[in-house]
């Protein structure tokens, strides 16, 4: 499978529908596909459910999308930090829903979606409010919570380089959630620093194979 190499970020995000669940890569700003998010703001899709590690930083990227009122619900592991004032204000005003998911669970739930796993048991969150309403089971003397996969209608991820087929390599910690989100998204769009000719990337360094990637844009 070969990804489509888009000329502009606007072309890359075309067709994203209102009400979509959008997986957005990044650990804070590291690996966040800011240009794709800006293009999504311009594209106009609204009533979105966004899945990301954080709930935005400062006034740019994901925070800018939140500030426009386009997001109905955030699913994330770390919604509050010193520069998350946009989300904080929306949440306190009752203008956005929040589902907190422990960071490891967040990654594993998306990985499970990509691997075709129907559900899995995990000990994280046992005995906390995050386990309320979920199935609890004891396995070999340890208590577990049943967790379900998180799938995305769209995944917006940032990578370092891509070839023209859509094979992706990442740069250091900017890799974070990109690989699992690429497996869990129905439409996967990658923002990269550079698109090279097929064959220029070391096959041993490719982390996300092109079979998972639908559109690539250099930004």
C-alpha atoms as a PDB file:
ATOM      1  CA  UNK A   1       0.000   0.000   0.000  1.00  0.00           C
ATOM      2  CA  UNK A   2       1.271   3.473  -0.911  1.00  0.00           C
ATOM      3  CA  UNK A   3       0.293   6.641   0.941  1.00  0.00           C
ATOM      4  CA  UNK A   4      -0.821   9.762  -0.890  1.00  0.00           C
ATOM      5  CA  UNK A   5       1.804  12.514  -0.730  1.00  0.00           C
ATOM      6  CA  UNK A   6      -0.159  15.731  -0.281  1.00  0.00           C
ATOM      7  CA  UNK A   7       1.070  19.117  -1.495  1.00  0.00           C
ATOM      8  CA  UNK A   8      -0.480  21.077   1.401  1.00  0.00           C
ATOM      9  CA  UNK A   9      -1.676  20.437   4.936  1.00  0.00           C
ATOM     10  CA  UNK A  10      -5.152  21.595   3.857  1.00  0.00           C
ATOM     11  CA  UNK A  11      -5.230  18.798   1.283  1.00  0.00           C
ATOM     12  CA  UNK A  12      -4.011  16.349   3.918  1.00  0.00           C
ATOM     13  CA  UNK A  13      -6.937  16.976   6.308  1.00  0.00           C
ATOM     14  CA  UNK A  14      -9.651  17.284   3.660  1.00  0.00           C
ATOM     15  CA  UNK A  15     -12.774  15.251   4.319  1.00  0.00           C
ATOM     16  CA  UNK A  16     -12.535  14.901   8.108  1.00  0.00           C
ATOM     17  CA  UNK A  17     -16.148  14.818   9.254  1.00  0.00           C
ATOM     18  CA  UNK A  18     -17.962  16.468  12.142  1.00  0.00           C
ATOM     19  CA  UNK A  19     -18.253  14.126  15.130  1.00  0.00           C
ATOM     20  CA  UNK A  20     -15.049  12.247  14.337  1.00  0.00           C
ATOM     21  CA  UNK A  21     -12.781  10.690  16.943  1.00  0.00           C
ATOM     22  CA  UNK A  22      -9.338  12.126  16.235  1.00  0.00           C
ATOM     23  CA  UNK A  23      -6.148  10.627  17.678  1.00  0.00           C
ATOM     24  CA  UNK A  24      -3.473  13.327  17.969  1.00  0.00           C
ATOM     25  CA  UNK A  25       0.133  12.370  18.620  1.00  0.00           C
ATOM     26  CA  UNK A  26       2.511  14.182  20.907  1.00  0.00           C
ATOM     27  CA  UNK A  27       3.905  14.207  24.411  1.00  0.00           C
ATOM     28  CA  UNK A  28       3.318  17.827  25.229  1.00  0.00           C
ATOM     29  CA  UNK A  29       4.651  19.551  22.123  1.00  0.00           C
ATOM     30  CA  UNK A  30       7.146  16.781  21.274  1.00  0.00           C
ATOM     31  CA  UNK A  31       5.836  15.037  18.196  1.00  0.00           C
ATOM     32  CA  UNK A  32       2.618  17.055  18.043  1.00  0.00           C
ATOM     33  CA  UNK A  33       1.568  17.612  14.395  1.00  0.00           C
ATOM     34  CA  UNK A  34       0.893  21.334  14.895  1.00  0.00           C
ATOM     35  CA  UNK A  35       0.538  22.205  11.205  1.00  0.00           C
ATOM     36  CA  UNK A  36      -2.017  19.452  10.693  1.00  0.00           C
ATOM     37  CA  UNK A  37      -3.997  20.710  13.687  1.00  0.00           C
ATOM     38  CA  UNK A  38      -3.916  24.255  12.311  1.00  0.00           C
ATOM     39  CA  UNK A  39      -5.176  22.897   9.002  1.00  0.00           C
ATOM     40  CA  UNK A  40      -7.973  21.041  10.809  1.00  0.00           C
ATOM     41  CA  UNK A  41      -8.994  24.327  12.429  1.00  0.00           C
ATOM     42  CA  UNK A  42      -9.194  25.874   8.973  1.00  0.00           C
ATOM     43  CA  UNK A  43     -11.034  22.838   7.592  1.00  0.00           C
ATOM     44  CA  UNK A  44     -13.856  23.375  10.065  1.00  0.00           C
ATOM     45  CA  UNK A  45     -14.699  19.930  11.461  1.00  0.00           C
ATOM     46  CA  UNK A  46     -16.426  20.223  14.836  1.00  0.00           C
ATOM     47  CA  UNK A  47     -18.028  18.172  17.627  1.00  0.00           C
ATOM     48  CA  UNK A  48     -14.803  16.160  17.772  1.00  0.00           C
ATOM     49  CA  UNK A  49     -13.604  13.648  20.352  1.00  0.00           C
ATOM     50  CA  UNK A  50      -9.849  14.083  20.673  1.00  0.00           C
ATOM     51  CA  UNK A  51      -7.545  11.405  22.080  1.00  0.00           C
ATOM     52  CA  UNK A  52      -4.116  12.684  23.075  1.00  0.00           C
ATOM     53  CA  UNK A  53      -1.690  12.382  25.957  1.00  0.00           C
ATOM     54  CA  UNK A  54      -2.180  16.000  27.029  1.00  0.00           C
ATOM     55  CA  UNK A  55      -5.012  18.508  26.707  1.00  0.00           C
ATOM     56  CA  UNK A  56      -3.060  21.207  24.921  1.00  0.00           C
ATOM     57  CA  UNK A  57      -0.149  23.515  25.684  1.00  0.00           C
ATOM     58  CA  UNK A  58      -0.276  27.300  25.679  1.00  0.00           C
ATOM     59  CA  UNK A  59      -2.377  28.703  22.849  1.00  0.00           C
ATOM     60  CA  UNK A  60      -1.074  26.720  19.876  1.00  0.00           C
ATOM     61  CA  UNK A  61      -1.692  23.308  18.341  1.00  0.00           C
ATOM     62  CA  UNK A  62      -4.278  21.279  20.233  1.00  0.00           C
ATOM     63  CA  UNK A  63      -4.954  24.197  22.588  1.00  0.00           C
ATOM     64  CA  UNK A  64      -5.913  26.340  19.600  1.00  0.00           C
ATOM     65  CA  UNK A  65      -8.348  23.658  18.403  1.00  0.00           C
ATOM     66  CA  UNK A  66      -9.902  23.554  21.865  1.00  0.00           C
ATOM     67  CA  UNK A  67     -10.132  27.355  22.002  1.00  0.00           C
ATOM     68  CA  UNK A  68     -12.184  27.344  18.789  1.00  0.00           C
ATOM     69  CA  UNK A  69     -14.822  25.190  20.512  1.00  0.00           C
ATOM     70  CA  UNK A  70     -14.383  22.331  18.055  1.00  0.00           C
ATOM     71  CA  UNK A  71     -13.828  19.584  20.640  1.00  0.00           C
ATOM     72  CA  UNK A  72     -16.726  18.000  22.509  1.00  0.00           C
ATOM     73  CA  UNK A  73     -14.664  15.532  24.544  1.00  0.00           C
ATOM     74  CA  UNK A  74     -11.021  14.995  25.524  1.00  0.00           C
ATOM     75  CA  UNK A  75      -9.644  11.538  26.293  1.00  0.00           C
ATOM     76  CA  UNK A  76      -6.166  11.945  27.757  1.00  0.00           C
ATOM     77  CA  UNK A  77      -3.841  10.950  30.566  1.00  0.00           C
ATOM     78  CA  UNK A  78      -2.539  14.351  31.672  1.00  0.00           C
ATOM     79  CA  UNK A  79      -5.115  17.135  31.255  1.00  0.00           C
ATOM     80  CA  UNK A  80      -3.635  19.716  33.614  1.00  0.00           C
ATOM     81  CA  UNK A  81      -0.238  21.373  33.662  1.00  0.00           C
ATOM     82  CA  UNK A  82       1.094  24.898  34.027  1.00  0.00           C
ATOM     83  CA  UNK A  83       0.250  25.915  30.446  1.00  0.00           C
ATOM     84  CA  UNK A  84      -3.048  24.049  29.944  1.00  0.00           C
ATOM     85  CA  UNK A  85      -5.182  27.118  30.673  1.00  0.00           C
ATOM     86  CA  UNK A  86      -7.363  26.724  27.566  1.00  0.00           C
ATOM     87  CA  UNK A  87      -8.597  23.266  28.534  1.00  0.00           C
ATOM     88  CA  UNK A  88      -8.803  24.240  32.213  1.00  0.00           C
ATOM     89  CA  UNK A  89     -11.091  27.159  31.433  1.00  0.00           C
ATOM     90  CA  UNK A  90     -13.340  25.101  29.161  1.00  0.00           C
ATOM     91  CA  UNK A  91     -13.630  22.277  31.676  1.00  0.00           C
ATOM     92  CA  UNK A  92     -14.430  24.553  34.595  1.00  0.00           C
ATOM     93  CA  UNK A  93     -17.102  26.234  32.482  1.00  0.00           C
ATOM     94  CA  UNK A  94     -18.675  22.858  31.620  1.00  0.00           C
ATOM     95  CA  UNK A  95     -17.979  23.309  27.921  1.00  0.00           C
ATOM     96  CA  UNK A  96     -15.972  20.114  27.374  1.00  0.00           C
ATOM     97  CA  UNK A  97     -16.148  16.510  28.584  1.00  0.00           C
ATOM     98  CA  UNK A  98     -13.125  14.692  29.989  1.00  0.00           C
ATOM     99  CA  UNK A  99     -12.186  11.027  30.248  1.00  0.00           C
ATOM    100  CA  UNK A 100      -8.924  10.470  32.117  1.00  0.00           C
ATOM    101  CA  UNK A 101      -7.026   7.332  31.096  1.00  0.00           C
ATOM    102  CA  UNK A 102      -3.722   6.292  32.729  1.00  0.00           C
ATOM    103  CA  UNK A 103      -0.889   6.826  30.277  1.00  0.00           C
ATOM    104  CA  UNK A 104       0.059   3.170  29.839  1.00  0.00           C
ATOM    105  CA  UNK A 105      -3.590   2.213  29.436  1.00  0.00           C
ATOM    106  CA  UNK A 106      -4.029   4.937  26.820  1.00  0.00           C
ATOM    107  CA  UNK A 107      -1.201   3.533  24.705  1.00  0.00           C
ATOM    108  CA  UNK A 108      -2.288  -0.075  25.222  1.00  0.00           C
ATOM    109  CA  UNK A 109      -5.938   0.632  24.392  1.00  0.00           C
ATOM    110  CA  UNK A 110      -4.869   2.095  21.040  1.00  0.00           C
ATOM    111  CA  UNK A 111      -2.407  -0.724  20.447  1.00  0.00           C
ATOM    112  CA  UNK A 112      -5.212  -3.192  21.165  1.00  0.00           C
ATOM    113  CA  UNK A 113      -7.389  -1.478  18.558  1.00  0.00           C
ATOM    114  CA  UNK A 114      -4.645  -1.841  15.974  1.00  0.00           C
ATOM    115  CA  UNK A 115      -3.963  -5.469  16.899  1.00  0.00           C
ATOM    116  CA  UNK A 116      -7.610  -6.514  16.756  1.00  0.00           C
ATOM    117  CA  UNK A 117      -7.796  -7.299  20.481  1.00  0.00           C
ATOM    118  CA  UNK A 118     -11.370  -7.094  21.761  1.00  0.00           C
ATOM    119  CA  UNK A 119     -10.496  -6.105  25.345  1.00  0.00           C
ATOM    120  CA  UNK A 120      -7.825  -6.743  27.964  1.00  0.00           C
ATOM    121  CA  UNK A 121      -7.419  -6.854  31.748  1.00  0.00           C
ATOM    122  CA  UNK A 122      -5.037  -4.402  33.402  1.00  0.00           C
ATOM    123  CA  UNK A 123      -4.226  -3.744  37.088  1.00  0.00           C
ATOM    124  CA  UNK A 124      -3.808   0.008  36.605  1.00  0.00           C
ATOM    125  CA  UNK A 125      -6.596   2.096  38.205  1.00  0.00           C
ATOM    126  CA  UNK A 126      -7.831  -0.709  40.483  1.00  0.00           C
ATOM    127  CA  UNK A 127      -9.373   0.847  43.590  1.00  0.00           C
ATOM    128  CA  UNK A 128      -9.581   4.355  42.098  1.00  0.00           C
ATOM    129  CA  UNK A 129     -12.484   6.349  40.619  1.00  0.00           C
ATOM    130  CA  UNK A 130     -11.146   5.485  37.148  1.00  0.00           C
ATOM    131  CA  UNK A 131     -12.264   1.886  37.683  1.00  0.00           C
ATOM    132  CA  UNK A 132     -15.837   2.760  38.634  1.00  0.00           C
ATOM    133  CA  UNK A 133     -18.433   1.052  36.457  1.00  0.00           C
ATOM    134  CA  UNK A 134     -15.891  -1.273  34.856  1.00  0.00           C
ATOM    135  CA  UNK A 135     -15.705  -5.042  35.100  1.00  0.00           C
ATOM    136  CA  UNK A 136     -13.310  -6.204  37.828  1.00  0.00           C
ATOM    137  CA  UNK A 137     -11.748  -9.652  37.804  1.00  0.00           C
ATOM    138  CA  UNK A 138      -9.241 -11.486  39.972  1.00  0.00           C
ATOM    139  CA  UNK A 139      -6.592 -13.449  38.067  1.00  0.00           C
ATOM    140  CA  UNK A 140      -4.026 -15.517  39.970  1.00  0.00           C
ATOM    141  CA  UNK A 141      -4.615 -13.527  43.114  1.00  0.00           C
ATOM    142  CA  UNK A 142      -4.353 -10.082  41.534  1.00  0.00           C
ATOM    143  CA  UNK A 143      -7.201  -7.687  40.743  1.00  0.00           C
ATOM    144  CA  UNK A 144      -7.639  -6.357  37.217  1.00  0.00           C
ATOM    145  CA  UNK A 145      -9.921  -3.928  35.375  1.00  0.00           C
ATOM    146  CA  UNK A 146     -11.355  -4.715  31.945  1.00  0.00           C
ATOM    147  CA  UNK A 147     -10.350  -2.100  29.361  1.00  0.00           C
ATOM    148  CA  UNK A 148     -11.594  -1.702  25.797  1.00  0.00           C
ATOM    149  CA  UNK A 149      -9.712  -0.540  22.675  1.00  0.00           C
ATOM    150  CA  UNK A 150      -9.697   3.072  21.542  1.00  0.00           C
ATOM    151  CA  UNK A 151     -10.156   3.441  17.799  1.00  0.00           C
ATOM    152  CA  UNK A 152      -9.917   6.629  15.812  1.00  0.00           C
ATOM    153  CA  UNK A 153     -11.756   7.755  12.710  1.00  0.00           C
ATOM    154  CA  UNK A 154      -8.635   9.819  12.051  1.00  0.00           C
ATOM    155  CA  UNK A 155      -5.067   9.830  13.414  1.00  0.00           C
ATOM    156  CA  UNK A 156      -2.912  12.942  13.075  1.00  0.00           C
ATOM    157  CA  UNK A 157       0.699  12.089  13.846  1.00  0.00           C
ATOM    158  CA  UNK A 158       4.101  13.722  13.529  1.00  0.00           C
ATOM    159  CA  UNK A 159       7.145  11.876  12.220  1.00  0.00           C
ATOM    160  CA  UNK A 160      10.643  12.899  11.154  1.00  0.00           C
ATOM    161  CA  UNK A 161      10.904  11.537   7.627  1.00  0.00           C
ATOM    162  CA  UNK A 162       8.799   9.575   5.176  1.00  0.00           C
ATOM    163  CA  UNK A 163       9.456   8.025   1.823  1.00  0.00           C
ATOM    164  CA  UNK A 164       6.956   8.333  -1.001  1.00  0.00           C
ATOM    165  CA  UNK A 165       5.269   5.096   0.024  1.00  0.00           C
ATOM    166  CA  UNK A 166       4.542   6.463   3.507  1.00  0.00           C
ATOM    167  CA  UNK A 167       7.075   4.496   5.551  1.00  0.00           C
ATOM    168  CA  UNK A 168       7.850   6.599   8.634  1.00  0.00           C
ATOM    169  CA  UNK A 169      10.849   7.154  10.878  1.00  0.00           C
ATOM    170  CA  UNK A 170      10.710   9.258  14.034  1.00  0.00           C
ATOM    171  CA  UNK A 171      13.156  11.493  15.866  1.00  0.00           C
ATOM    172  CA  UNK A 172      13.924  10.484  19.453  1.00  0.00           C
ATOM    173  CA  UNK A 173      11.099  11.151  21.959  1.00  0.00           C
ATOM    174  CA  UNK A 174       8.923  12.708  19.253  1.00  0.00           C
ATOM    175  CA  UNK A 175       8.085   9.095  18.437  1.00  0.00           C
ATOM    176  CA  UNK A 176       5.862   8.705  21.568  1.00  0.00           C
ATOM    177  CA  UNK A 177       2.259   7.816  20.603  1.00  0.00           C
ATOM    178  CA  UNK A 178       2.686   7.999  16.824  1.00  0.00           C
ATOM    179  CA  UNK A 179       3.257   4.291  16.133  1.00  0.00           C
ATOM    180  CA  UNK A 180       0.251   3.014  18.126  1.00  0.00           C
ATOM    181  CA  UNK A 181      -2.018   5.763  16.817  1.00  0.00           C
ATOM    182  CA  UNK A 182      -1.054   4.850  13.269  1.00  0.00           C
ATOM    183  CA  UNK A 183      -2.362   1.326  13.848  1.00  0.00           C
ATOM    184  CA  UNK A 184      -5.578   2.504  15.528  1.00  0.00           C
ATOM    185  CA  UNK A 185      -6.755   5.155  13.056  1.00  0.00           C
ATOM    186  CA  UNK A 186      -9.061   4.509  10.116  1.00  0.00           C
ATOM    187  CA  UNK A 187      -7.536   7.458   8.222  1.00  0.00           C
ATOM    188  CA  UNK A 188      -3.890   8.077   9.177  1.00  0.00           C
ATOM    189  CA  UNK A 189      -2.300  11.392   8.234  1.00  0.00           C
ATOM    190  CA  UNK A 190       1.387  12.007   8.941  1.00  0.00           C
ATOM    191  CA  UNK A 191       3.157  15.359   9.069  1.00  0.00           C
ATOM    192  CA  UNK A 192       6.880  14.990   8.418  1.00  0.00           C
ATOM    193  CA  UNK A 193       9.893  17.250   8.043  1.00  0.00           C
ATOM    194  CA  UNK A 194      10.961  15.663   4.771  1.00  0.00           C
ATOM    195  CA  UNK A 195       9.681  13.247   2.138  1.00  0.00           C
ATOM    196  CA  UNK A 196      12.441  11.278   0.418  1.00  0.00           C
ATOM    197  CA  UNK A 197      12.426   8.882  -2.509  1.00  0.00           C
ATOM    198  CA  UNK A 198      11.400   5.323  -1.807  1.00  0.00           C
ATOM    199  CA  UNK A 199      14.489   3.290  -0.969  1.00  0.00           C
ATOM    200  CA  UNK A 200      16.376   6.124   0.739  1.00  0.00           C
ATOM    201  CA  UNK A 201      15.269   5.154   4.242  1.00  0.00           C
ATOM    202  CA  UNK A 202      17.097   2.349   6.028  1.00  0.00           C
ATOM    203  CA  UNK A 203      14.514  -0.459   6.225  1.00  0.00           C
ATOM    204  CA  UNK A 204      15.805  -1.343   9.702  1.00  0.00           C
ATOM    205  CA  UNK A 205      14.979   2.182  10.941  1.00  0.00           C
ATOM    206  CA  UNK A 206      11.370   2.273   9.714  1.00  0.00           C
ATOM    207  CA  UNK A 207       9.014   2.221  12.687  1.00  0.00           C
ATOM    208  CA  UNK A 208       5.614   2.696  11.029  1.00  0.00           C
ATOM    209  CA  UNK A 209       5.253   0.761   7.750  1.00  0.00           C
ATOM    210  CA  UNK A 210       3.402   2.422   4.892  1.00  0.00           C
ATOM    211  CA  UNK A 211       0.521  -0.072   5.162  1.00  0.00           C
ATOM    212  CA  UNK A 212      -0.729   1.971   8.130  1.00  0.00           C
ATOM    213  CA  UNK A 213      -0.371   5.416   6.528  1.00  0.00           C
ATOM    214  CA  UNK A 214      -2.889   6.991   4.154  1.00  0.00           C
ATOM    215  CA  UNK A 215      -1.615  10.540   3.625  1.00  0.00           C
ATOM    216  CA  UNK A 216       1.746  12.238   4.140  1.00  0.00           C
ATOM    217  CA  UNK A 217       2.631  15.916   3.971  1.00  0.00           C
ATOM    218  CA  UNK A 218       5.924  17.732   4.461  1.00  0.00           C
ATOM    219  CA  UNK A 219       5.397  20.736   6.742  1.00  0.00           C
END
